[in-house]
């Protein structure tokens, strides 16, 4: 699994999401920005990302560190989508 593949899965599986993924082929870090995260807890946000990745989390992706933001939160961090 490559970072670009994970990025694609997240963005396809979570409508309107923007993702940035880095990693070494087994351990990955992702920043995900989505309006779908509004009014959800961090756990709920992460579950949405895991759903987008489907069964890849059970084998091909060994570790995934997530940072999730709404577009407003991301803008406050100084990020650009």
C-alpha atoms as a PDB file:
ATOM      1  CA  UNK A   1       0.000   0.000   0.000  1.00  0.00           C
ATOM      2  CA  UNK A   2       1.317   3.419  -0.927  1.00  0.00           C
ATOM      3  CA  UNK A   3       0.360   6.808   0.558  1.00  0.00           C
ATOM      4  CA  UNK A   4      -1.255   7.938  -2.704  1.00  0.00           C
ATOM      5  CA  UNK A   5      -3.530   4.864  -2.701  1.00  0.00           C
ATOM      6  CA  UNK A   6      -4.695   5.623   0.832  1.00  0.00           C
ATOM      7  CA  UNK A   7      -5.303   9.265  -0.097  1.00  0.00           C
ATOM      8  CA  UNK A   8      -7.424   8.136  -3.047  1.00  0.00           C
ATOM      9  CA  UNK A   9      -9.461   5.693  -0.917  1.00  0.00           C
ATOM     10  CA  UNK A  10     -10.172   8.337   1.717  1.00  0.00           C
ATOM     11  CA  UNK A  11     -11.161  10.990  -0.806  1.00  0.00           C
ATOM     12  CA  UNK A  12     -13.369   8.566  -2.743  1.00  0.00           C
ATOM     13  CA  UNK A  13     -14.986   7.048   0.321  1.00  0.00           C
ATOM     14  CA  UNK A  14     -15.632  10.277   2.208  1.00  0.00           C
ATOM     15  CA  UNK A  15     -17.465  12.743  -0.024  1.00  0.00           C
ATOM     16  CA  UNK A  16     -15.818  16.145  -0.212  1.00  0.00           C
ATOM     17  CA  UNK A  17     -12.794  15.095   1.837  1.00  0.00           C
ATOM     18  CA  UNK A  18      -9.263  16.260   1.166  1.00  0.00           C
ATOM     19  CA  UNK A  19      -6.409  14.119   2.453  1.00  0.00           C
ATOM     20  CA  UNK A  20      -2.659  14.297   2.748  1.00  0.00           C
ATOM     21  CA  UNK A  21      -0.955  10.976   3.457  1.00  0.00           C
ATOM     22  CA  UNK A  22       2.673  10.074   4.090  1.00  0.00           C
ATOM     23  CA  UNK A  23       4.272   6.842   5.147  1.00  0.00           C
ATOM     24  CA  UNK A  24       6.730   4.046   4.534  1.00  0.00           C
ATOM     25  CA  UNK A  25       4.450   1.366   3.099  1.00  0.00           C
ATOM     26  CA  UNK A  26       3.294  -0.014   6.453  1.00  0.00           C
ATOM     27  CA  UNK A  27       3.020   2.933   8.830  1.00  0.00           C
ATOM     28  CA  UNK A  28       1.136   6.005   7.654  1.00  0.00           C
ATOM     29  CA  UNK A  29       0.144   9.469   8.804  1.00  0.00           C
ATOM     30  CA  UNK A  30      -2.886  11.212   7.364  1.00  0.00           C
ATOM     31  CA  UNK A  31      -4.420  14.649   7.650  1.00  0.00           C
ATOM     32  CA  UNK A  32      -8.041  14.586   6.546  1.00  0.00           C
ATOM     33  CA  UNK A  33     -10.227  17.653   6.096  1.00  0.00           C
ATOM     34  CA  UNK A  34     -13.962  17.143   5.617  1.00  0.00           C
ATOM     35  CA  UNK A  35     -17.190  19.007   6.282  1.00  0.00           C
ATOM     36  CA  UNK A  36     -18.601  15.602   7.310  1.00  0.00           C
ATOM     37  CA  UNK A  37     -16.617  15.953  10.564  1.00  0.00           C
ATOM     38  CA  UNK A  38     -18.719  18.893  11.777  1.00  0.00           C
ATOM     39  CA  UNK A  39     -20.390  18.272  15.136  1.00  0.00           C
ATOM     40  CA  UNK A  40     -18.721  14.859  15.496  1.00  0.00           C
ATOM     41  CA  UNK A  41     -16.306  13.686  18.161  1.00  0.00           C
ATOM     42  CA  UNK A  42     -12.767  12.764  17.193  1.00  0.00           C
ATOM     43  CA  UNK A  43     -13.683   9.074  17.549  1.00  0.00           C
ATOM     44  CA  UNK A  44     -16.643   9.519  15.197  1.00  0.00           C
ATOM     45  CA  UNK A  45     -14.436  11.381  12.720  1.00  0.00           C
ATOM     46  CA  UNK A  46     -11.839   8.610  12.748  1.00  0.00           C
ATOM     47  CA  UNK A  47     -14.555   5.987  12.255  1.00  0.00           C
ATOM     48  CA  UNK A  48     -15.657   7.800   9.095  1.00  0.00           C
ATOM     49  CA  UNK A  49     -12.100   7.592   7.755  1.00  0.00           C
ATOM     50  CA  UNK A  50     -11.806   3.902   8.691  1.00  0.00           C
ATOM     51  CA  UNK A  51     -15.101   3.218   6.896  1.00  0.00           C
ATOM     52  CA  UNK A  52     -13.701   4.895   3.785  1.00  0.00           C
ATOM     53  CA  UNK A  53     -10.666   2.588   3.956  1.00  0.00           C
ATOM     54  CA  UNK A  54     -12.820  -0.508   4.408  1.00  0.00           C
ATOM     55  CA  UNK A  55     -11.023  -3.800   4.917  1.00  0.00           C
ATOM     56  CA  UNK A  56      -7.614  -2.273   4.097  1.00  0.00           C
ATOM     57  CA  UNK A  57      -7.291  -1.471   7.826  1.00  0.00           C
ATOM     58  CA  UNK A  58      -7.417  -5.191   8.589  1.00  0.00           C
ATOM     59  CA  UNK A  59      -4.320  -6.128   6.637  1.00  0.00           C
ATOM     60  CA  UNK A  60      -2.663  -3.824   4.136  1.00  0.00           C
ATOM     61  CA  UNK A  61      -2.469  -0.807   6.453  1.00  0.00           C
ATOM     62  CA  UNK A  62      -0.665  -1.791   9.644  1.00  0.00           C
ATOM     63  CA  UNK A  63      -0.706   1.579  11.386  1.00  0.00           C
ATOM     64  CA  UNK A  64      -2.451   4.840  10.572  1.00  0.00           C
ATOM     65  CA  UNK A  65      -2.073   8.026  12.593  1.00  0.00           C
ATOM     66  CA  UNK A  66      -4.969  10.380  11.870  1.00  0.00           C
ATOM     67  CA  UNK A  67      -5.477  14.089  12.314  1.00  0.00           C
ATOM     68  CA  UNK A  68      -8.975  15.143  11.290  1.00  0.00           C
ATOM     69  CA  UNK A  69     -10.333  18.651  10.801  1.00  0.00           C
ATOM     70  CA  UNK A  70     -13.418  20.411   9.526  1.00  0.00           C
ATOM     71  CA  UNK A  71     -12.607  22.977   6.817  1.00  0.00           C
ATOM     72  CA  UNK A  72     -13.040  25.749   9.405  1.00  0.00           C
ATOM     73  CA  UNK A  73     -10.671  24.089  11.873  1.00  0.00           C
ATOM     74  CA  UNK A  74      -8.129  23.527   9.114  1.00  0.00           C
ATOM     75  CA  UNK A  75      -8.308  27.196   8.090  1.00  0.00           C
ATOM     76  CA  UNK A  76      -7.683  28.174  11.737  1.00  0.00           C
ATOM     77  CA  UNK A  77      -4.528  26.010  11.623  1.00  0.00           C
ATOM     78  CA  UNK A  78      -3.385  28.035   8.635  1.00  0.00           C
ATOM     79  CA  UNK A  79      -3.893  25.178   6.198  1.00  0.00           C
ATOM     80  CA  UNK A  80      -5.130  25.526   2.658  1.00  0.00           C
ATOM     81  CA  UNK A  81      -7.260  22.902   1.000  1.00  0.00           C
END
